[in-house]
Amino acid sequence: MYMKSCYKNSSIEELQDFLKEGNEDAFNEIYNRLWKRLYCYAYRIFNDETSCEDIVQEVFIKLWEKAPSADINNIEAYLFTAIKYRIATHIRDLKFTSIHLDVLQNHPELGSFEKQMEYQEFERSVLSEIDKLSPQCKKVFQLSRFENISNNEIALMLNISIRTVEKHISDALNKLKHTITPPLVLSWIMIMFP
């Protein structure tokens, strides 16, 4: 208990040194100090709550994974830069969210039987990739993306930590990002919106 409370008085530079040693309490203190500022920065750029939360979580996950080997001089500058680049990557690789899919599913006029078939094939492809996730990862992802349940609520529902929820979502997004090919997405968009 004493160790945790002493981190509250540590400078960000000291926390960075502890983090490099793999100290989880130092990581948690950095997270607690910087999460809100990083989220606000991301939201000013991208203006989508869920995406910004995911982006900030992904940046912190990468920080934790890379901290022991990374050569970081200024952790705040590093994190803000990582957020900026992650948002740029997210925008570049933007894929349809469940909201986009729902709007398209309920679109009153799909145009033609051929377009409807193309859409169904795309949807099957996405759902097939989601089915390949581990059971827990799939459950967390579906609750988050299809039922719009917050990470906190998912953690409580499944009796797991928020970090575990965040990790499952990050893993699922990465798997989908690498398995749903951009040409498939682009060709589907061109068919649906000529």
N, C-alpha and C. Protein backbone atom coordinates (compact mmCIF):
# COMPACT_ATOMS: atom_id res chain seq x y z
N MET A 1 0.83 -1.19 0.00
CA MET A 1 0.00 0.00 0.00
C MET A 1 0.87 1.25 0.00
N TYR A 2 1.98 1.21 0.76
CA TYR A 2 2.86 2.38 0.81
C TYR A 2 3.46 2.67 -0.57
N MET A 3 3.86 1.60 -1.29
CA MET A 3 4.47 1.78 -2.60
C MET A 3 3.53 2.52 -3.54
N LYS A 4 2.27 2.11 -3.57
CA LYS A 4 1.32 2.73 -4.48
C LYS A 4 1.14 4.21 -4.16
N SER A 5 1.04 4.55 -2.88
CA SER A 5 0.81 5.94 -2.52
C SER A 5 2.04 6.79 -2.81
N CYS A 6 3.25 6.20 -2.76
CA CYS A 6 4.45 7.00 -3.03
C CYS A 6 4.52 7.37 -4.51
N TYR A 7 3.88 6.64 -5.39
CA TYR A 7 3.89 6.98 -6.81
C TYR A 7 3.07 8.23 -7.09
N LYS A 8 2.09 8.50 -6.26
CA LYS A 8 1.27 9.70 -6.46
C LYS A 8 2.12 10.96 -6.36
N ASN A 9 3.19 10.90 -5.59
CA ASN A 9 4.07 12.05 -5.40
C ASN A 9 5.27 12.02 -6.34
N SER A 10 5.39 10.98 -7.15
CA SER A 10 6.53 10.85 -8.05
C SER A 10 6.35 11.74 -9.27
N SER A 11 7.46 12.22 -9.77
CA SER A 11 7.41 13.00 -11.01
C SER A 11 7.15 12.06 -12.18
N ILE A 12 6.74 12.62 -13.28
CA ILE A 12 6.47 11.79 -14.46
C ILE A 12 7.77 11.13 -14.94
N GLU A 13 8.89 11.79 -14.75
CA GLU A 13 10.18 11.22 -15.14
C GLU A 13 10.52 10.00 -14.26
N GLU A 14 10.25 10.13 -12.97
CA GLU A 14 10.49 9.00 -12.06
C GLU A 14 9.57 7.83 -12.42
N LEU A 15 8.32 8.14 -12.71
CA LEU A 15 7.38 7.09 -13.10
C LEU A 15 7.84 6.40 -14.38
N GLN A 16 8.37 7.19 -15.29
CA GLN A 16 8.87 6.64 -16.55
C GLN A 16 10.02 5.66 -16.28
N ASP A 17 10.91 6.01 -15.35
CA ASP A 17 12.01 5.10 -14.99
C ASP A 17 11.47 3.81 -14.37
N PHE A 18 10.49 3.93 -13.49
CA PHE A 18 9.89 2.73 -12.88
C PHE A 18 9.19 1.88 -13.93
N LEU A 19 8.54 2.55 -14.87
CA LEU A 19 7.84 1.83 -15.94
C LEU A 19 8.82 1.03 -16.78
N LYS A 20 9.96 1.61 -17.06
CA LYS A 20 10.98 0.92 -17.87
C LYS A 20 11.42 -0.39 -17.18
N GLU A 21 11.30 -0.43 -15.86
CA GLU A 21 11.64 -1.63 -15.09
C GLU A 21 10.45 -2.61 -15.04
N GLY A 22 9.33 -2.25 -15.68
CA GLY A 22 8.16 -3.13 -15.69
C GLY A 22 7.26 -2.97 -14.49
N ASN A 23 7.32 -1.85 -13.83
CA ASN A 23 6.55 -1.62 -12.62
C ASN A 23 5.10 -1.27 -12.98
N GLU A 24 4.18 -2.16 -12.64
CA GLU A 24 2.77 -1.98 -12.99
C GLU A 24 2.12 -0.82 -12.24
N ASP A 25 2.53 -0.61 -10.99
CA ASP A 25 1.96 0.52 -10.23
C ASP A 25 2.35 1.85 -10.86
N ALA A 26 3.57 1.95 -11.35
CA ALA A 26 4.01 3.18 -12.03
C ALA A 26 3.20 3.36 -13.31
N PHE A 27 2.99 2.27 -14.03
CA PHE A 27 2.17 2.34 -15.25
C PHE A 27 0.76 2.83 -14.91
N ASN A 28 0.16 2.27 -13.87
CA ASN A 28 -1.19 2.68 -13.47
C ASN A 28 -1.24 4.16 -13.10
N GLU A 29 -0.19 4.65 -12.44
CA GLU A 29 -0.16 6.07 -12.09
C GLU A 29 -0.04 6.94 -13.33
N ILE A 30 0.78 6.54 -14.28
CA ILE A 30 0.90 7.28 -15.55
C ILE A 30 -0.45 7.27 -16.26
N TYR A 31 -1.07 6.12 -16.29
CA TYR A 31 -2.39 5.98 -16.91
C TYR A 31 -3.39 6.92 -16.25
N ASN A 32 -3.45 6.90 -14.93
CA ASN A 32 -4.40 7.74 -14.20
C ASN A 32 -4.15 9.23 -14.43
N ARG A 33 -2.89 9.62 -14.52
CA ARG A 33 -2.56 11.03 -14.72
C ARG A 33 -2.84 11.51 -16.14
N LEU A 34 -2.61 10.65 -17.12
CA LEU A 34 -2.62 11.13 -18.50
C LEU A 34 -3.82 10.69 -19.34
N TRP A 35 -4.57 9.69 -18.89
CA TRP A 35 -5.65 9.15 -19.74
C TRP A 35 -6.62 10.23 -20.19
N LYS A 36 -7.12 11.03 -19.26
CA LYS A 36 -8.14 12.02 -19.60
C LYS A 36 -7.60 13.06 -20.59
N ARG A 37 -6.38 13.53 -20.36
CA ARG A 37 -5.79 14.51 -21.29
C ARG A 37 -5.59 13.91 -22.68
N LEU A 38 -5.14 12.66 -22.74
CA LEU A 38 -4.95 12.00 -24.03
C LEU A 38 -6.28 11.78 -24.74
N TYR A 39 -7.29 11.40 -23.97
CA TYR A 39 -8.62 11.19 -24.55
C TYR A 39 -9.16 12.52 -25.11
N CYS A 40 -9.05 13.60 -24.33
CA CYS A 40 -9.54 14.91 -24.79
C CYS A 40 -8.80 15.35 -26.05
N TYR A 41 -7.51 15.11 -26.09
CA TYR A 41 -6.71 15.45 -27.28
C TYR A 41 -7.21 14.64 -28.48
N ALA A 42 -7.40 13.33 -28.29
CA ALA A 42 -7.89 12.47 -29.38
C ALA A 42 -9.28 12.90 -29.83
N TYR A 43 -10.13 13.25 -28.88
CA TYR A 43 -11.51 13.63 -29.20
C TYR A 43 -11.56 14.95 -29.98
N ARG A 44 -10.65 15.86 -29.65
CA ARG A 44 -10.60 17.12 -30.42
C ARG A 44 -10.24 16.87 -31.88
N ILE A 45 -9.45 15.83 -32.12
CA ILE A 45 -9.03 15.51 -33.49
C ILE A 45 -10.10 14.69 -34.21
N PHE A 46 -10.63 13.66 -33.55
CA PHE A 46 -11.48 12.68 -34.25
C PHE A 46 -12.96 12.79 -33.92
N ASN A 47 -13.32 13.26 -32.75
CA ASN A 47 -14.72 13.52 -32.40
C ASN A 47 -15.62 12.28 -32.43
N ASP A 48 -15.10 11.15 -31.96
CA ASP A 48 -15.90 9.93 -31.84
C ASP A 48 -15.50 9.26 -30.52
N GLU A 49 -16.41 9.27 -29.55
CA GLU A 49 -16.08 8.82 -28.20
C GLU A 49 -15.49 7.41 -28.16
N THR A 50 -16.19 6.46 -28.75
CA THR A 50 -15.76 5.07 -28.68
C THR A 50 -14.42 4.87 -29.35
N SER A 51 -14.26 5.43 -30.54
CA SER A 51 -12.99 5.29 -31.26
C SER A 51 -11.86 5.92 -30.47
N CYS A 52 -12.11 7.08 -29.89
CA CYS A 52 -11.06 7.76 -29.12
C CYS A 52 -10.69 6.97 -27.88
N GLU A 53 -11.69 6.39 -27.20
CA GLU A 53 -11.40 5.55 -26.04
C GLU A 53 -10.53 4.36 -26.47
N ASP A 54 -10.91 3.72 -27.58
CA ASP A 54 -10.15 2.57 -28.07
C ASP A 54 -8.72 2.96 -28.44
N ILE A 55 -8.58 4.09 -29.10
CA ILE A 55 -7.26 4.55 -29.53
C ILE A 55 -6.37 4.82 -28.31
N VAL A 56 -6.91 5.50 -27.31
CA VAL A 56 -6.12 5.77 -26.10
C VAL A 56 -5.75 4.46 -25.41
N GLN A 57 -6.69 3.53 -25.33
CA GLN A 57 -6.39 2.23 -24.69
C GLN A 57 -5.31 1.49 -25.46
N GLU A 58 -5.41 1.50 -26.79
CA GLU A 58 -4.42 0.81 -27.62
C GLU A 58 -3.03 1.42 -27.42
N VAL A 59 -2.96 2.74 -27.32
CA VAL A 59 -1.67 3.41 -27.11
C VAL A 59 -1.10 3.01 -25.75
N PHE A 60 -1.94 2.95 -24.73
CA PHE A 60 -1.44 2.54 -23.41
C PHE A 60 -1.02 1.07 -23.41
N ILE A 61 -1.75 0.23 -24.10
CA ILE A 61 -1.37 -1.19 -24.19
C ILE A 61 0.00 -1.31 -24.86
N LYS A 62 0.20 -0.58 -25.95
CA LYS A 62 1.50 -0.60 -26.64
C LYS A 62 2.60 -0.06 -25.73
N LEU A 63 2.29 0.99 -24.97
CA LEU A 63 3.28 1.54 -24.04
C LEU A 63 3.71 0.46 -23.04
N TRP A 64 2.76 -0.24 -22.47
CA TRP A 64 3.06 -1.28 -21.49
C TRP A 64 3.90 -2.37 -22.12
N GLU A 65 3.53 -2.77 -23.34
CA GLU A 65 4.26 -3.84 -24.02
C GLU A 65 5.68 -3.43 -24.39
N LYS A 66 5.86 -2.18 -24.78
CA LYS A 66 7.16 -1.74 -25.31
C LYS A 66 8.03 -1.00 -24.30
N ALA A 67 7.48 -0.64 -23.14
CA ALA A 67 8.21 0.20 -22.18
C ALA A 67 9.59 -0.34 -21.80
N PRO A 68 9.74 -1.63 -21.50
CA PRO A 68 11.06 -2.09 -21.09
C PRO A 68 12.14 -1.92 -22.16
N SER A 69 11.76 -1.97 -23.43
CA SER A 69 12.77 -1.90 -24.49
C SER A 69 12.78 -0.57 -25.25
N ALA A 70 11.76 0.24 -25.05
CA ALA A 70 11.66 1.50 -25.79
C ALA A 70 12.59 2.56 -25.20
N ASP A 71 13.12 3.40 -26.07
CA ASP A 71 13.96 4.51 -25.64
C ASP A 71 13.11 5.78 -25.69
N ILE A 72 12.40 6.04 -24.59
CA ILE A 72 11.47 7.18 -24.52
C ILE A 72 12.10 8.25 -23.65
N ASN A 73 12.30 9.44 -24.23
CA ASN A 73 12.89 10.55 -23.47
C ASN A 73 11.85 11.33 -22.69
N ASN A 74 10.68 11.54 -23.31
CA ASN A 74 9.61 12.32 -22.69
C ASN A 74 8.31 11.55 -22.89
N ILE A 75 7.83 10.92 -21.85
CA ILE A 75 6.68 10.02 -21.99
C ILE A 75 5.41 10.76 -22.41
N GLU A 76 5.22 11.99 -21.94
CA GLU A 76 4.03 12.74 -22.33
C GLU A 76 4.06 13.04 -23.83
N ALA A 77 5.18 13.53 -24.31
CA ALA A 77 5.32 13.83 -25.74
C ALA A 77 5.16 12.55 -26.56
N TYR A 78 5.75 11.47 -26.07
CA TYR A 78 5.64 10.18 -26.76
C TYR A 78 4.18 9.75 -26.88
N LEU A 79 3.42 9.85 -25.79
CA LEU A 79 2.02 9.41 -25.80
C LEU A 79 1.15 10.31 -26.69
N PHE A 80 1.34 11.61 -26.63
CA PHE A 80 0.55 12.50 -27.48
C PHE A 80 0.86 12.27 -28.96
N THR A 81 2.13 12.05 -29.26
CA THR A 81 2.51 11.75 -30.65
C THR A 81 1.92 10.41 -31.08
N ALA A 82 1.96 9.42 -30.20
CA ALA A 82 1.39 8.10 -30.51
C ALA A 82 -0.11 8.21 -30.78
N ILE A 83 -0.81 9.04 -30.00
CA ILE A 83 -2.25 9.25 -30.21
C ILE A 83 -2.47 9.85 -31.60
N LYS A 84 -1.71 10.88 -31.93
CA LYS A 84 -1.87 11.54 -33.22
C LYS A 84 -1.67 10.55 -34.38
N TYR A 85 -0.61 9.75 -34.30
CA TYR A 85 -0.35 8.79 -35.38
C TYR A 85 -1.37 7.66 -35.40
N ARG A 86 -1.82 7.25 -34.23
CA ARG A 86 -2.83 6.17 -34.17
C ARG A 86 -4.15 6.65 -34.78
N ILE A 87 -4.52 7.90 -34.54
CA ILE A 87 -5.74 8.45 -35.14
C ILE A 87 -5.58 8.51 -36.65
N ALA A 88 -4.41 8.95 -37.12
CA ALA A 88 -4.18 9.01 -38.57
C ALA A 88 -4.30 7.62 -39.18
N THR A 89 -3.75 6.62 -38.52
CA THR A 89 -3.85 5.24 -39.01
C THR A 89 -5.30 4.77 -38.98
N HIS A 90 -5.99 5.11 -37.90
CA HIS A 90 -7.40 4.72 -37.77
C HIS A 90 -8.23 5.32 -38.90
N ILE A 91 -8.02 6.58 -39.19
CA ILE A 91 -8.77 7.23 -40.25
C ILE A 91 -8.43 6.59 -41.60
N ARG A 92 -7.14 6.32 -41.82
CA ARG A 92 -6.72 5.70 -43.07
C ARG A 92 -7.33 4.30 -43.24
N ASP A 93 -7.37 3.55 -42.15
CA ASP A 93 -7.86 2.17 -42.20
C ASP A 93 -9.33 2.05 -41.81
N LEU A 94 -10.03 3.17 -41.76
CA LEU A 94 -11.39 3.18 -41.25
C LEU A 94 -12.24 2.12 -41.93
N LYS A 95 -12.87 1.32 -41.13
CA LYS A 95 -13.78 0.29 -41.61
C LYS A 95 -15.14 0.59 -41.00
N PHE A 96 -16.13 -0.08 -41.49
CA PHE A 96 -17.47 0.15 -40.98
C PHE A 96 -17.60 -0.34 -39.55
N THR A 97 -18.27 0.46 -38.73
CA THR A 97 -18.58 0.07 -37.37
C THR A 97 -19.94 -0.62 -37.37
N SER A 98 -20.34 -1.12 -36.24
CA SER A 98 -21.65 -1.77 -36.15
C SER A 98 -22.76 -0.77 -36.46
N ILE A 99 -22.54 0.49 -36.14
CA ILE A 99 -23.56 1.52 -36.43
C ILE A 99 -23.70 1.66 -37.95
N HIS A 100 -22.56 1.72 -38.65
CA HIS A 100 -22.62 1.81 -40.11
C HIS A 100 -23.33 0.59 -40.69
N LEU A 101 -22.95 -0.59 -40.19
CA LEU A 101 -23.57 -1.82 -40.70
C LEU A 101 -25.07 -1.85 -40.41
N ASP A 102 -25.46 -1.38 -39.22
CA ASP A 102 -26.87 -1.35 -38.87
C ASP A 102 -27.65 -0.41 -39.79
N VAL A 103 -27.09 0.75 -40.07
CA VAL A 103 -27.74 1.70 -40.97
C VAL A 103 -27.91 1.06 -42.34
N LEU A 104 -26.86 0.41 -42.80
CA LEU A 104 -26.93 -0.21 -44.13
C LEU A 104 -27.88 -1.41 -44.14
N GLN A 105 -27.91 -2.17 -43.07
CA GLN A 105 -28.83 -3.31 -42.99
C GLN A 105 -30.28 -2.85 -43.08
N ASN A 106 -30.56 -1.73 -42.45
CA ASN A 106 -31.93 -1.24 -42.40
C ASN A 106 -32.23 -0.22 -43.49
N HIS A 107 -31.31 -0.09 -44.42
CA HIS A 107 -31.49 0.84 -45.54
C HIS A 107 -32.70 0.38 -46.34
N PRO A 108 -33.69 1.24 -46.59
CA PRO A 108 -34.94 0.82 -47.21
C PRO A 108 -34.78 0.32 -48.65
N GLU A 109 -33.80 0.84 -49.38
CA GLU A 109 -33.66 0.44 -50.78
C GLU A 109 -32.21 0.10 -51.07
N LEU A 110 -31.91 -1.17 -51.16
CA LEU A 110 -30.56 -1.58 -51.46
C LEU A 110 -30.27 -1.46 -52.96
N GLY A 111 -31.26 -1.24 -53.77
CA GLY A 111 -31.02 -1.01 -55.18
C GLY A 111 -31.28 -2.21 -56.05
N SER A 112 -30.57 -3.26 -55.83
CA SER A 112 -30.75 -4.42 -56.68
C SER A 112 -30.41 -5.69 -55.92
N PHE A 113 -30.85 -6.77 -56.48
CA PHE A 113 -30.58 -8.08 -55.89
C PHE A 113 -29.08 -8.31 -55.83
N GLU A 114 -28.36 -7.88 -56.85
CA GLU A 114 -26.91 -8.06 -56.90
C GLU A 114 -26.23 -7.32 -55.76
N LYS A 115 -26.63 -6.08 -55.51
CA LYS A 115 -26.05 -5.31 -54.41
C LYS A 115 -26.35 -5.98 -53.07
N GLN A 116 -27.56 -6.47 -52.94
CA GLN A 116 -27.93 -7.13 -51.70
C GLN A 116 -27.07 -8.37 -51.49
N MET A 117 -26.81 -9.11 -52.54
CA MET A 117 -25.97 -10.32 -52.44
C MET A 117 -24.54 -9.94 -52.05
N GLU A 118 -24.02 -8.88 -52.67
CA GLU A 118 -22.67 -8.42 -52.34
C GLU A 118 -22.59 -8.01 -50.87
N TYR A 119 -23.60 -7.30 -50.40
CA TYR A 119 -23.63 -6.88 -49.01
C TYR A 119 -23.66 -8.09 -48.08
N GLN A 120 -24.50 -9.05 -48.41
CA GLN A 120 -24.61 -10.24 -47.56
C GLN A 120 -23.29 -11.01 -47.51
N GLU A 121 -22.59 -11.05 -48.62
CA GLU A 121 -21.28 -11.71 -48.66
C GLU A 121 -20.28 -10.97 -47.77
N PHE A 122 -20.28 -9.65 -47.84
CA PHE A 122 -19.40 -8.85 -47.00
C PHE A 122 -19.74 -9.07 -45.52
N GLU A 123 -21.02 -9.02 -45.20
CA GLU A 123 -21.46 -9.22 -43.82
C GLU A 123 -21.06 -10.60 -43.32
N ARG A 124 -21.24 -11.61 -44.16
CA ARG A 124 -20.84 -12.98 -43.78
C ARG A 124 -19.34 -13.04 -43.51
N SER A 125 -18.58 -12.36 -44.32
CA SER A 125 -17.13 -12.34 -44.15
C SER A 125 -16.75 -11.73 -42.79
N VAL A 126 -17.35 -10.60 -42.46
CA VAL A 126 -17.06 -9.93 -41.18
C VAL A 126 -17.49 -10.83 -40.01
N LEU A 127 -18.70 -11.35 -40.08
CA LEU A 127 -19.21 -12.18 -38.98
C LEU A 127 -18.41 -13.47 -38.85
N SER A 128 -17.94 -14.01 -39.97
CA SER A 128 -17.12 -15.22 -39.94
C SER A 128 -15.80 -14.96 -39.20
N GLU A 129 -15.21 -13.81 -39.45
CA GLU A 129 -13.96 -13.46 -38.76
C GLU A 129 -14.21 -13.25 -37.27
N ILE A 130 -15.33 -12.67 -36.93
CA ILE A 130 -15.66 -12.47 -35.51
C ILE A 130 -15.85 -13.83 -34.83
N ASP A 131 -16.47 -14.79 -35.54
CA ASP A 131 -16.67 -16.12 -34.98
C ASP A 131 -15.35 -16.85 -34.70
N LYS A 132 -14.30 -16.46 -35.38
CA LYS A 132 -12.99 -17.11 -35.19
C LYS A 132 -12.26 -16.62 -33.94
N LEU A 133 -12.76 -15.57 -33.33
CA LEU A 133 -12.14 -15.06 -32.10
C LEU A 133 -12.35 -16.06 -30.97
N SER A 134 -11.50 -15.99 -29.96
CA SER A 134 -11.70 -16.86 -28.80
C SER A 134 -13.06 -16.53 -28.18
N PRO A 135 -13.70 -17.47 -27.47
CA PRO A 135 -15.04 -17.22 -26.94
C PRO A 135 -15.13 -15.95 -26.09
N GLN A 136 -14.18 -15.74 -25.21
CA GLN A 136 -14.22 -14.56 -24.33
C GLN A 136 -14.02 -13.28 -25.15
N CYS A 137 -13.05 -13.29 -26.06
CA CYS A 137 -12.77 -12.13 -26.90
C CYS A 137 -13.99 -11.80 -27.76
N LYS A 138 -14.61 -12.82 -28.32
CA LYS A 138 -15.81 -12.64 -29.15
C LYS A 138 -16.93 -12.00 -28.33
N LYS A 139 -17.15 -12.53 -27.14
CA LYS A 139 -18.22 -12.03 -26.27
C LYS A 139 -18.00 -10.55 -25.94
N VAL A 140 -16.77 -10.22 -25.53
CA VAL A 140 -16.44 -8.84 -25.18
C VAL A 140 -16.63 -7.93 -26.39
N PHE A 141 -16.14 -8.36 -27.55
CA PHE A 141 -16.24 -7.55 -28.76
C PHE A 141 -17.70 -7.33 -29.15
N GLN A 142 -18.51 -8.37 -29.10
CA GLN A 142 -19.92 -8.23 -29.46
C GLN A 142 -20.65 -7.30 -28.48
N LEU A 143 -20.37 -7.43 -27.20
CA LEU A 143 -21.00 -6.54 -26.22
C LEU A 143 -20.60 -5.09 -26.47
N SER A 144 -19.34 -4.89 -26.79
CA SER A 144 -18.84 -3.54 -27.01
C SER A 144 -19.35 -2.95 -28.32
N ARG A 145 -19.22 -3.70 -29.40
CA ARG A 145 -19.47 -3.13 -30.72
C ARG A 145 -20.91 -3.29 -31.21
N PHE A 146 -21.56 -4.37 -30.85
CA PHE A 146 -22.91 -4.59 -31.36
C PHE A 146 -24.00 -4.20 -30.37
N GLU A 147 -23.66 -4.21 -29.09
CA GLU A 147 -24.65 -3.84 -28.09
C GLU A 147 -24.31 -2.50 -27.42
N ASN A 148 -23.20 -1.89 -27.83
CA ASN A 148 -22.77 -0.58 -27.34
C ASN A 148 -22.70 -0.49 -25.81
N ILE A 149 -22.18 -1.53 -25.19
CA ILE A 149 -22.03 -1.56 -23.74
C ILE A 149 -20.63 -1.05 -23.41
N SER A 150 -20.52 -0.20 -22.40
CA SER A 150 -19.23 0.40 -22.05
C SER A 150 -18.27 -0.66 -21.51
N ASN A 151 -16.98 -0.34 -21.57
CA ASN A 151 -15.97 -1.26 -21.06
C ASN A 151 -16.18 -1.56 -19.58
N ASN A 152 -16.55 -0.54 -18.80
CA ASN A 152 -16.80 -0.75 -17.37
C ASN A 152 -17.94 -1.75 -17.15
N GLU A 153 -19.02 -1.56 -17.90
CA GLU A 153 -20.17 -2.46 -17.75
C GLU A 153 -19.83 -3.89 -18.17
N ILE A 154 -19.05 -4.02 -19.23
CA ILE A 154 -18.64 -5.35 -19.68
C ILE A 154 -17.79 -6.03 -18.61
N ALA A 155 -16.87 -5.27 -18.03
CA ALA A 155 -16.02 -5.83 -16.98
C ALA A 155 -16.86 -6.34 -15.81
N LEU A 156 -17.85 -5.56 -15.43
CA LEU A 156 -18.73 -5.98 -14.33
C LEU A 156 -19.57 -7.19 -14.72
N MET A 157 -20.12 -7.18 -15.94
CA MET A 157 -20.97 -8.29 -16.40
C MET A 157 -20.22 -9.62 -16.44
N LEU A 158 -18.96 -9.56 -16.92
CA LEU A 158 -18.19 -10.79 -17.13
C LEU A 158 -17.22 -11.08 -15.99
N ASN A 159 -17.23 -10.20 -14.98
CA ASN A 159 -16.35 -10.38 -13.82
C ASN A 159 -14.88 -10.47 -14.23
N ILE A 160 -14.47 -9.53 -15.09
CA ILE A 160 -13.08 -9.44 -15.52
C ILE A 160 -12.63 -7.98 -15.35
N SER A 161 -11.34 -7.75 -15.43
CA SER A 161 -10.83 -6.39 -15.25
C SER A 161 -11.10 -5.55 -16.51
N ILE A 162 -11.11 -4.25 -16.33
CA ILE A 162 -11.30 -3.34 -17.46
C ILE A 162 -10.15 -3.52 -18.45
N ARG A 163 -8.95 -3.71 -17.93
CA ARG A 163 -7.79 -3.92 -18.81
C ARG A 163 -7.97 -5.17 -19.67
N THR A 164 -8.57 -6.22 -19.11
CA THR A 164 -8.82 -7.43 -19.88
C THR A 164 -9.84 -7.15 -20.98
N VAL A 165 -10.87 -6.37 -20.65
CA VAL A 165 -11.86 -5.97 -21.66
C VAL A 165 -11.15 -5.21 -22.78
N GLU A 166 -10.32 -4.24 -22.40
CA GLU A 166 -9.61 -3.42 -23.39
C GLU A 166 -8.70 -4.28 -24.27
N LYS A 167 -8.04 -5.24 -23.65
CA LYS A 167 -7.14 -6.13 -24.40
C LYS A 167 -7.92 -6.97 -25.40
N HIS A 168 -9.07 -7.51 -24.98
CA HIS A 168 -9.90 -8.31 -25.89
C HIS A 168 -10.37 -7.47 -27.08
N ILE A 169 -10.81 -6.26 -26.81
CA ILE A 169 -11.28 -5.38 -27.89
C ILE A 169 -10.13 -5.06 -28.84
N SER A 170 -8.99 -4.73 -28.28
CA SER A 170 -7.82 -4.43 -29.10
C SER A 170 -7.42 -5.63 -29.96
N ASP A 171 -7.41 -6.82 -29.36
CA ASP A 171 -7.07 -8.03 -30.11
C ASP A 171 -8.06 -8.27 -31.25
N ALA A 172 -9.35 -8.11 -30.95
CA ALA A 172 -10.38 -8.33 -31.97
C ALA A 172 -10.24 -7.34 -33.12
N LEU A 173 -10.04 -6.07 -32.78
CA LEU A 173 -9.88 -5.04 -33.82
C LEU A 173 -8.66 -5.32 -34.69
N ASN A 174 -7.58 -5.72 -34.05
CA ASN A 174 -6.37 -6.03 -34.82
C ASN A 174 -6.59 -7.20 -35.75
N LYS A 175 -7.26 -8.24 -35.24
CA LYS A 175 -7.52 -9.42 -36.09
C LYS A 175 -8.42 -9.03 -37.26
N LEU A 176 -9.47 -8.29 -37.01
CA LEU A 176 -10.36 -7.88 -38.09
C LEU A 176 -9.63 -6.98 -39.08
N LYS A 177 -8.82 -6.10 -38.56
CA LYS A 177 -8.08 -5.18 -39.42
C LYS A 177 -7.19 -5.94 -40.39
N HIS A 178 -6.61 -7.04 -39.92
CA HIS A 178 -5.68 -7.79 -40.76
C HIS A 178 -6.36 -8.86 -41.61
N THR A 179 -7.61 -9.19 -41.32
CA THR A 179 -8.26 -10.24 -42.10
C THR A 179 -9.31 -9.73 -43.07
N ILE A 180 -9.93 -8.61 -42.78
CA ILE A 180 -10.88 -8.01 -43.72
C ILE A 180 -10.06 -7.12 -44.64
N THR A 181 -9.91 -7.56 -45.86
CA THR A 181 -9.00 -6.86 -46.78
C THR A 181 -9.59 -5.55 -47.27
N PRO A 182 -8.75 -4.51 -47.38
CA PRO A 182 -9.22 -3.22 -47.88
C PRO A 182 -9.89 -3.32 -49.26
N PRO A 183 -9.39 -4.13 -50.22
CA PRO A 183 -10.09 -4.21 -51.50
C PRO A 183 -11.53 -4.71 -51.36
N LEU A 184 -11.78 -5.64 -50.44
CA LEU A 184 -13.13 -6.13 -50.23
C LEU A 184 -14.02 -4.99 -49.72
N VAL A 185 -13.51 -4.22 -48.77
CA VAL A 185 -14.27 -3.11 -48.22
C VAL A 185 -14.51 -2.06 -49.30
N LEU A 186 -13.47 -1.71 -50.04
CA LEU A 186 -13.62 -0.68 -51.08
C LEU A 186 -14.57 -1.12 -52.19
N SER A 187 -14.47 -2.36 -52.62
CA SER A 187 -15.38 -2.81 -53.69
C SER A 187 -16.82 -2.82 -53.19
N TRP A 188 -17.00 -3.17 -51.94
CA TRP A 188 -18.36 -3.18 -51.38
C TRP A 188 -18.91 -1.76 -51.31
N ILE A 189 -18.07 -0.81 -50.89
CA ILE A 189 -18.53 0.59 -50.83
C ILE A 189 -18.92 1.07 -52.22
N MET A 190 -18.12 0.73 -53.23
CA MET A 190 -18.42 1.18 -54.59
C MET A 190 -19.72 0.57 -55.10
N ILE A 191 -19.99 -0.65 -54.72
CA ILE A 191 -21.25 -1.30 -55.14
C ILE A 191 -22.44 -0.67 -54.44
N MET A 192 -22.28 -0.42 -53.14
CA MET A 192 -23.39 0.10 -52.35
C MET A 192 -23.67 1.58 -52.61
N PHE A 193 -22.62 2.33 -52.93
CA PHE A 193 -22.78 3.78 -53.12
C PHE A 193 -22.15 4.19 -54.45
N PRO A 194 -22.82 3.86 -55.57
CA PRO A 194 -22.25 4.16 -56.88
C PRO A 194 -22.14 5.65 -57.14
